[in-house]
Protein backbone atom coordinates (compact mmCIF):
# COMPACT_ATOMS: atom_id res chain seq x y z
CA MET A 1 0.37 -0.13 -0.26
CA LYS A 2 1.40 3.44 0.07
CA GLU A 3 1.22 5.66 2.61
CA SER A 4 2.36 9.65 2.45
CA PHE A 5 4.34 10.47 5.21
CA PRO A 6 4.11 13.97 7.40
CA SER A 7 6.99 16.07 8.37
CA GLN A 8 7.61 14.84 12.08
CA ASN A 9 8.55 17.51 14.66
CA ALA A 10 10.78 15.59 17.07
CA SER A 11 12.51 15.16 14.37
CA GLU A 12 13.33 17.39 11.86
CA ASN A 13 16.83 18.75 13.84
CA LEU A 14 18.13 15.35 12.41
CA PRO A 15 21.70 14.67 11.15
CA SER A 16 22.10 14.26 7.30
CA GLY A 17 21.79 10.64 7.02
CA THR A 18 19.57 9.67 10.65
CA GLU A 19 16.52 7.90 9.69
CA ASN A 20 13.11 9.27 9.87
CA PRO A 21 12.53 6.89 12.97
CA ALA A 22 7.85 8.05 12.33
CA LYS A 23 8.89 7.65 8.56
CA LYS A 24 10.01 3.72 8.79
CA SER A 25 7.58 3.18 11.57
CA TYR A 26 4.52 4.02 9.61
CA GLU A 27 7.39 1.57 6.73
CA ASN A 28 7.46 -1.83 9.19
CA LEU A 29 3.29 -0.63 10.28
CA SER A 30 2.11 -0.81 6.59
CA HIS A 31 4.17 -3.75 6.26
CA LEU A 32 1.84 -5.62 8.71
CA LEU A 33 -1.02 -4.21 7.14
CA GLU A 34 0.17 -6.03 4.38
CA GLU A 35 1.11 -9.42 5.73
CA ILE A 36 -2.66 -9.27 7.46
CA SER A 37 -3.60 -8.15 3.90
CA LYS A 38 -2.49 -11.28 2.96
CA GLN A 39 -4.35 -14.06 5.62
CA GLU A 40 -7.67 -12.13 4.99
CA ARG A 41 -10.56 -14.96 4.50
CA LEU A 42 -12.53 -14.84 1.32
CA GLU A 43 -16.13 -14.88 2.91
CA ALA A 44 -15.69 -12.79 5.66
CA LYS A 45 -14.99 -10.28 3.18
CA GLU A 46 -18.41 -10.30 2.53
CA PHE A 47 -19.61 -8.15 5.79
CA ARG A 48 -19.10 -4.81 6.15
CA VAL A 49 -16.33 -3.30 8.43
CA SER A 50 -15.81 0.02 9.59
CA THR A 51 -14.96 2.66 13.06
CA LEU A 52 -18.16 3.64 14.07
CA ASN A 53 -16.66 6.56 15.47
CA LYS A 54 -16.35 7.96 12.26
CA GLU A 55 -20.31 7.42 11.97
CA GLU A 56 -22.17 10.42 12.13
CA LYS A 57 -22.98 11.62 15.17
CA ASP A 58 -26.71 12.38 15.68
CA SER A 59 -25.81 7.91 15.25
CA PHE A 60 -23.97 7.56 18.10
CA GLU A 61 -26.53 7.00 20.99
CA ARG A 62 -28.26 4.14 19.01
CA LEU A 63 -24.08 2.94 18.42
CA GLY A 64 -24.09 2.41 22.06
CA GLN A 65 -26.79 1.03 22.96
CA GLU A 66 -25.59 -1.82 19.86
CA ILE A 67 -22.32 -2.20 21.23
CA HIS A 68 -24.11 -3.13 24.98
CA ASP A 69 -26.32 -5.46 23.87
CA PHE A 70 -23.55 -7.06 21.99
CA ASN A 71 -21.28 -6.89 25.07
CA GLY A 72 -23.75 -8.68 27.23
CA LEU A 73 -23.04 -11.56 24.91
CA PHE A 74 -19.39 -12.34 26.50
CA PHE A 75 -19.47 -9.44 29.66
CA ASP A 76 -21.35 -9.15 33.44
CA GLU A 77 -23.97 -6.80 33.68
CA GLU A 78 -20.92 -5.60 36.55
CA GLU A 79 -17.85 -5.03 33.34
CA ASN A 80 -20.70 -4.41 30.30
CA ASP A 81 -20.93 -0.31 30.44
CA VAL A 82 -24.86 1.52 30.20
CA ALA A 83 -25.24 2.20 27.09
CA VAL A 84 -24.98 6.06 27.08
CA GLU A 85 -21.40 5.90 27.85
CA TYR A 86 -20.75 4.08 24.71
CA GLU A 87 -22.77 6.94 23.34
CA VAL A 88 -20.05 9.06 24.81
CA ALA A 89 -16.66 7.12 24.45
CA LEU A 90 -18.11 7.50 20.66
CA GLU A 91 -18.86 11.65 20.80
CA ARG A 92 -15.45 12.91 22.85
CA ASN A 93 -12.86 9.65 20.70
CA LEU A 94 -12.04 8.12 24.16
CA SER A 95 -11.93 4.72 22.55
CA LYS A 96 -12.19 3.70 18.95
CA PHE A 97 -14.89 0.70 18.18
CA TYR A 98 -14.90 -1.66 15.43
CA ALA A 99 -17.23 -3.45 13.92
CA THR A 100 -18.48 -6.21 11.73
CA ARG A 101 -22.07 -6.55 9.95
CA ASN A 102 -23.44 -9.52 8.69
CA GLU A 103 -26.26 -8.70 5.52
CA LYS A 104 -29.28 -7.29 8.40
CA GLY A 105 -26.39 -5.42 9.99
CA LYS A 106 -26.62 -6.70 12.82
CA ILE A 107 -23.10 -6.32 14.99
CA MET A 108 -21.05 -9.49 14.07
CA ALA A 109 -17.71 -8.48 15.97
CA LEU A 110 -16.46 -6.03 18.02
CA LEU A 111 -13.14 -5.18 19.10
CA ASN A 112 -12.01 -1.84 20.96
CA SER A 113 -9.11 -0.08 20.90
CA GLN A 114 -6.98 3.28 22.36
CA PHE A 115 -4.56 5.16 20.85
CA VAL A 116 -1.78 6.01 23.70
CA GLU A 117 1.09 8.28 23.54
CA SER A 118 4.68 8.36 25.45
CA GLY A 119 7.88 9.16 25.41
CA PRO A 120 9.60 12.24 26.41
CA ASN A 121 8.08 14.74 24.42
CA ASN A 122 4.71 12.42 23.91
CA GLU A 123 6.68 11.43 20.28
CA ASN A 124 5.33 7.77 19.88
CA MET A 125 1.90 6.95 19.23
CA SER A 126 0.52 2.90 20.55
CA MET A 127 -2.39 1.54 20.22
CA VAL A 128 -3.78 -1.08 22.93
CA ILE A 129 -6.80 -3.14 22.28
CA TRP A 130 -9.50 -3.64 25.08
CA TYR A 131 -10.93 -6.64 23.76
CA VAL A 132 -12.12 -8.20 20.70
CA ALA A 133 -15.76 -9.94 20.72
CA THR A 134 -16.80 -12.81 17.76
CA HIS A 135 -20.84 -13.78 17.46
CA PRO A 136 -21.19 -17.34 18.78
CA ASP A 137 -23.09 -18.40 15.43
CA TYR A 138 -20.12 -16.29 13.17
CA GLN A 139 -16.86 -17.77 14.64
CA SER A 140 -13.96 -18.96 13.13
CA LYS A 141 -15.15 -17.70 9.25
CA GLY A 142 -12.02 -14.59 9.56
CA LEU A 143 -14.19 -12.30 11.49
CA ALA A 144 -11.79 -10.79 13.92
CA LEU A 145 -8.88 -10.84 11.06
CA SER A 146 -10.85 -8.12 9.35
CA LEU A 147 -10.86 -6.24 12.58
CA TYR A 148 -8.17 -6.46 13.04
CA LYS A 149 -6.91 -4.82 9.47
CA GLU A 150 -9.65 -2.05 10.07
CA ALA A 151 -7.34 -1.18 13.47
CA TYR A 152 -3.87 -1.05 12.01
CA GLN A 153 -5.71 1.63 9.91
CA ASP A 154 -6.79 4.06 11.86
CA PHE A 155 -3.93 3.41 13.91
CA LEU A 156 -1.65 4.00 10.64
CA ALA A 157 -3.86 7.32 9.77
CA ASN A 158 -3.52 8.43 13.53
CA ALA A 159 -0.16 8.14 13.87
CA GLN A 160 0.41 9.81 11.16
CA ALA A 161 -2.02 13.28 11.57
CA LYS A 162 0.00 13.47 14.70
CA SER A 163 3.20 13.32 12.91
CA LYS A 164 3.75 10.57 16.10
CA ALA A 165 5.80 7.88 15.82
CA ALA A 166 4.17 4.51 15.29
CA TYR A 167 6.06 2.37 18.69
CA GLY A 168 4.13 -0.62 19.29
CA ILE A 169 0.49 -2.70 19.33
CA PHE A 170 -0.12 -4.17 23.09
CA GLY A 171 -3.42 -5.05 24.68
CA GLU A 172 -4.55 -7.75 27.80
CA THR A 173 -5.33 -11.12 26.23
CA VAL A 174 -6.55 -14.78 27.96
CA ASP A 175 -4.46 -18.24 28.16
CA GLU A 176 -6.65 -19.31 25.13
CA VAL A 177 -6.20 -16.96 23.01
CA GLU A 178 -2.19 -16.19 23.14
CA GLY A 179 -1.01 -18.86 19.96
CA TYR A 180 -3.35 -16.33 17.73
CA LEU A 181 -1.80 -13.61 18.39
CA ASN A 182 1.65 -15.28 18.98
CA LYS A 183 1.03 -16.43 14.71
CA LYS A 184 -1.24 -13.82 12.86
CA PHE A 185 -0.74 -10.68 15.32
CA GLY A 186 3.59 -11.03 16.23
CA ARG A 187 2.10 -10.24 19.87
CA SER A 188 3.97 -12.20 22.93
CA ARG A 189 3.92 -11.64 26.07
CA MET A 190 6.71 -9.31 27.95
CA TYR A 191 9.63 -11.01 30.07
CA ILE A 192 11.57 -9.30 32.56
CA GLU A 193 15.33 -10.98 33.53
CA ARG A 194 15.44 -10.34 37.64
CA GLN A 195 19.01 -10.38 39.67
CA ASP A 196 17.97 -13.78 41.11
CA GLY A 197 18.31 -15.43 37.18
CA ASN A 198 14.78 -16.10 37.18
CA LEU A 199 12.48 -15.03 34.19
CA GLU A 200 9.26 -12.75 35.10
CA GLU A 201 6.32 -12.10 33.13
CA VAL A 202 5.54 -8.13 33.46
CA TYR A 203 3.37 -7.53 35.34
CA TYR A 204 -0.37 -6.05 34.68
CA ALA A 205 -3.56 -5.64 36.43
CA SER A 206 -7.03 -4.67 34.68
CA PRO A 207 -7.79 -1.00 35.43
CA PRO A 208 -10.93 -1.39 37.51
CA ALA A 209 -14.09 -1.23 35.99
CA HIS A 210 -15.12 1.18 38.61
CA VAL A 211 -15.10 3.35 41.84
CA GLY A 212 -14.65 0.11 44.39
CA ALA A 213 -14.02 -2.69 41.80
CA GLU A 214 -10.40 -4.41 42.30
CA ALA A 215 -8.10 -4.89 39.92
CA THR A 216 -7.50 -7.75 38.37
CA PRO A 217 -4.48 -9.44 36.55
CA GLU A 218 -3.96 -9.89 33.71
CA HIS A 219 -1.48 -12.10 30.49
CA PHE A 220 -0.43 -8.43 28.23
CA MET A 221 1.08 -8.75 25.41
CA GLY A 222 2.83 -6.80 23.03
CA ARG A 223 4.64 -6.20 20.28
CA THR A 224 6.58 -3.31 18.84
CA ILE A 225 6.75 -2.00 15.48
CA ALA A 226 10.77 -1.73 15.02
CA GLU A 227 12.02 -4.82 13.93
CA ASN A 228 13.94 -5.94 16.35
CA GLN A 229 11.09 -5.85 19.20
CA SER A 230 12.84 -4.57 21.58
CA MET A 231 12.27 -2.70 24.68
CA SER A 232 12.67 -1.24 27.64
CA THR A 233 11.20 -1.24 31.56
CA ALA A 234 11.48 2.42 31.74
CA GLU A 235 9.66 2.56 27.73
CA TYR A 236 7.60 0.05 28.40
CA LEU A 237 6.74 2.05 32.57
CA ASP A 238 5.85 5.08 30.49
CA LEU A 239 3.41 3.32 28.11
CA ALA A 240 1.52 2.33 31.35
CA ARG A 241 1.53 5.64 33.16
CA SER A 242 0.03 7.36 29.51
CA ILE A 243 -2.40 3.78 29.26
CA TYR A 244 -3.45 3.90 32.90
CA GLY A 245 -3.50 7.50 32.43
CA GLU A 246 -6.26 7.25 30.34
CA PHE A 247 -8.69 5.86 32.71
CA LEU A 248 -8.29 9.10 34.85
CA LYS A 249 -9.77 11.33 32.10
CA PRO A 250 -12.45 14.50 34.02
CA ASP A 251 -15.71 12.51 31.25
CA TYR A 252 -14.73 9.09 33.21
CA PHE A 253 -15.77 11.42 36.13
CA GLU A 254 -18.79 12.68 35.09
CA GLN A 255 -21.92 11.33 37.33
CA ASN A 256 -19.25 10.70 40.27
CA THR A 257 -17.92 13.25 43.75
CA SER A 258 -14.56 13.87 44.35
CA GLU A 259 -14.01 11.44 47.14
CA GLU A 260 -14.89 8.65 44.64
CA TYR A 261 -12.70 10.28 41.97
CA ALA A 262 -9.35 9.89 44.37
CA GLU A 263 -10.48 6.88 45.40
CA TYR A 264 -9.44 5.31 41.84
CA GLN A 265 -6.73 7.32 41.10
CA LYS A 266 -5.04 5.92 44.50
CA SER A 267 -5.67 2.04 42.70
CA ILE A 268 -4.70 3.10 39.42
CA ASP A 269 -1.68 4.65 41.28
CA GLY A 270 -1.38 1.30 43.99
CA ILE A 271 -0.89 -0.93 39.84
CA LEU A 272 1.39 1.38 38.28
CA GLU A 273 3.83 1.20 42.43
CA ALA A 274 3.48 -2.40 41.08
CA ILE A 275 4.76 -2.72 38.02
CA ARG A 276 7.60 0.15 39.36
CA ALA A 277 8.70 -1.98 42.33
CA GLN A 278 8.77 -4.92 39.47
CA LEU A 279 10.74 -3.35 37.27
CA GLU A 280 13.43 -2.43 39.50
CA GLN A 281 13.86 -6.64 39.98
CA SER A 282 15.36 -6.15 36.28
CA LYS A 283 18.61 -7.53 36.15
CA ASP A 284 19.69 -5.52 32.80
CA GLY A 285 16.28 -3.00 32.73
CA GLN A 286 15.61 -5.15 29.70
CA ILE A 287 12.28 -6.59 28.55
CA TYR A 288 12.01 -9.83 26.81
CA PHE A 289 8.65 -10.78 23.95
CA LEU A 290 8.35 -14.34 24.79
CA SER A 291 5.48 -17.08 22.68
CA LYS A 292 4.40 -19.88 23.62
CA SER A 293 7.17 -21.47 21.93
CA GLU A 294 9.46 -19.94 23.08
CA ARG A 295 8.88 -19.07 26.75
CA GLU A 296 8.23 -22.82 27.02
CA ALA A 297 11.96 -24.19 25.35
CA LYS A 298 13.05 -21.17 27.92
CA GLU A 299 11.62 -23.07 30.72
CA LYS A 300 13.11 -26.09 29.86
CA GLU A 301 17.64 -24.38 29.71
CA LEU A 302 16.43 -22.28 32.55
CA VAL A 303 15.26 -26.04 34.99
CA LYS A 304 19.17 -26.74 34.05
CA SER A 305 20.21 -24.68 35.72
CA GLY A 306 18.01 -24.75 38.68
CA LYS A 307 16.04 -21.73 37.37
CA SER A 308 12.73 -20.78 36.53
CA ILE A 309 9.37 -17.94 35.05
CA VAL A 310 7.16 -17.07 37.17
CA GLY A 311 3.61 -16.12 34.88
CA ILE A 312 0.96 -14.34 36.20
CA LYS A 313 -1.61 -16.57 36.95
CA GLU A 314 -5.59 -16.22 35.56
CA GLU A 315 -8.53 -16.03 38.06
CA GLU A 316 -10.97 -18.91 37.90
């Protein structure tokens, strides 16, 4: 695909011969998009894919109800926002919603994500994928892959529009999708090597659904857009602050008291402190991306020297 690359403010004064990191990231992301396109299934192309945030604003009330009703198939009542909250998210662009519809116009698959900025000068943009859900009657038809393609295209367009380098793609996940994300998108679980030589999965907890709710530890899988797939613990901590900071936006607390906001902020601060404390145990200040097969091979290697890999356990 052919892309135009806007100037990147942070790179305008680069020494002669130095490659523009933003432009290179767009090229890498475009390549990832091409790889996804090669995997698309013919039957999935019969469905209409769209970014709901781009639809007419007077339709957001209806769309908010549609999203709520669809998510009711998968989420407990406590986890599923009320329709008006989805409406506000669409109207204010607080998060992104990508949908696949059948011939009757009904949502059959949905992907929700956010774009976050990080780096010393907020020069990087990453996409965080919160969930992907497909209607039980439409499983195994490639609908999710089409949604990922739409989301990646939107990520690229937003990074270019804001002259930000496309830094990475991350998201909370469950055990059963690990192999799929490894194979289809190059996303992997993330680990540090502790000072005692053991590997430990990078700590992540799903932001509390509301004031007073518990933060739930989850697997967090990602990839950088750079070809070398490397990330420092400092970069991860900065990214984590940006991700959790999204959930402290005043837009989410218009119906809450200042005391409730302070309580929620305390919960977020607790998660970030747990992440910071863990990263301090890193032997070399690096994050390692390991696919399932790579992790299993590494674990066999570590066992020989009396070491192990400590992972996050999903709640029952």
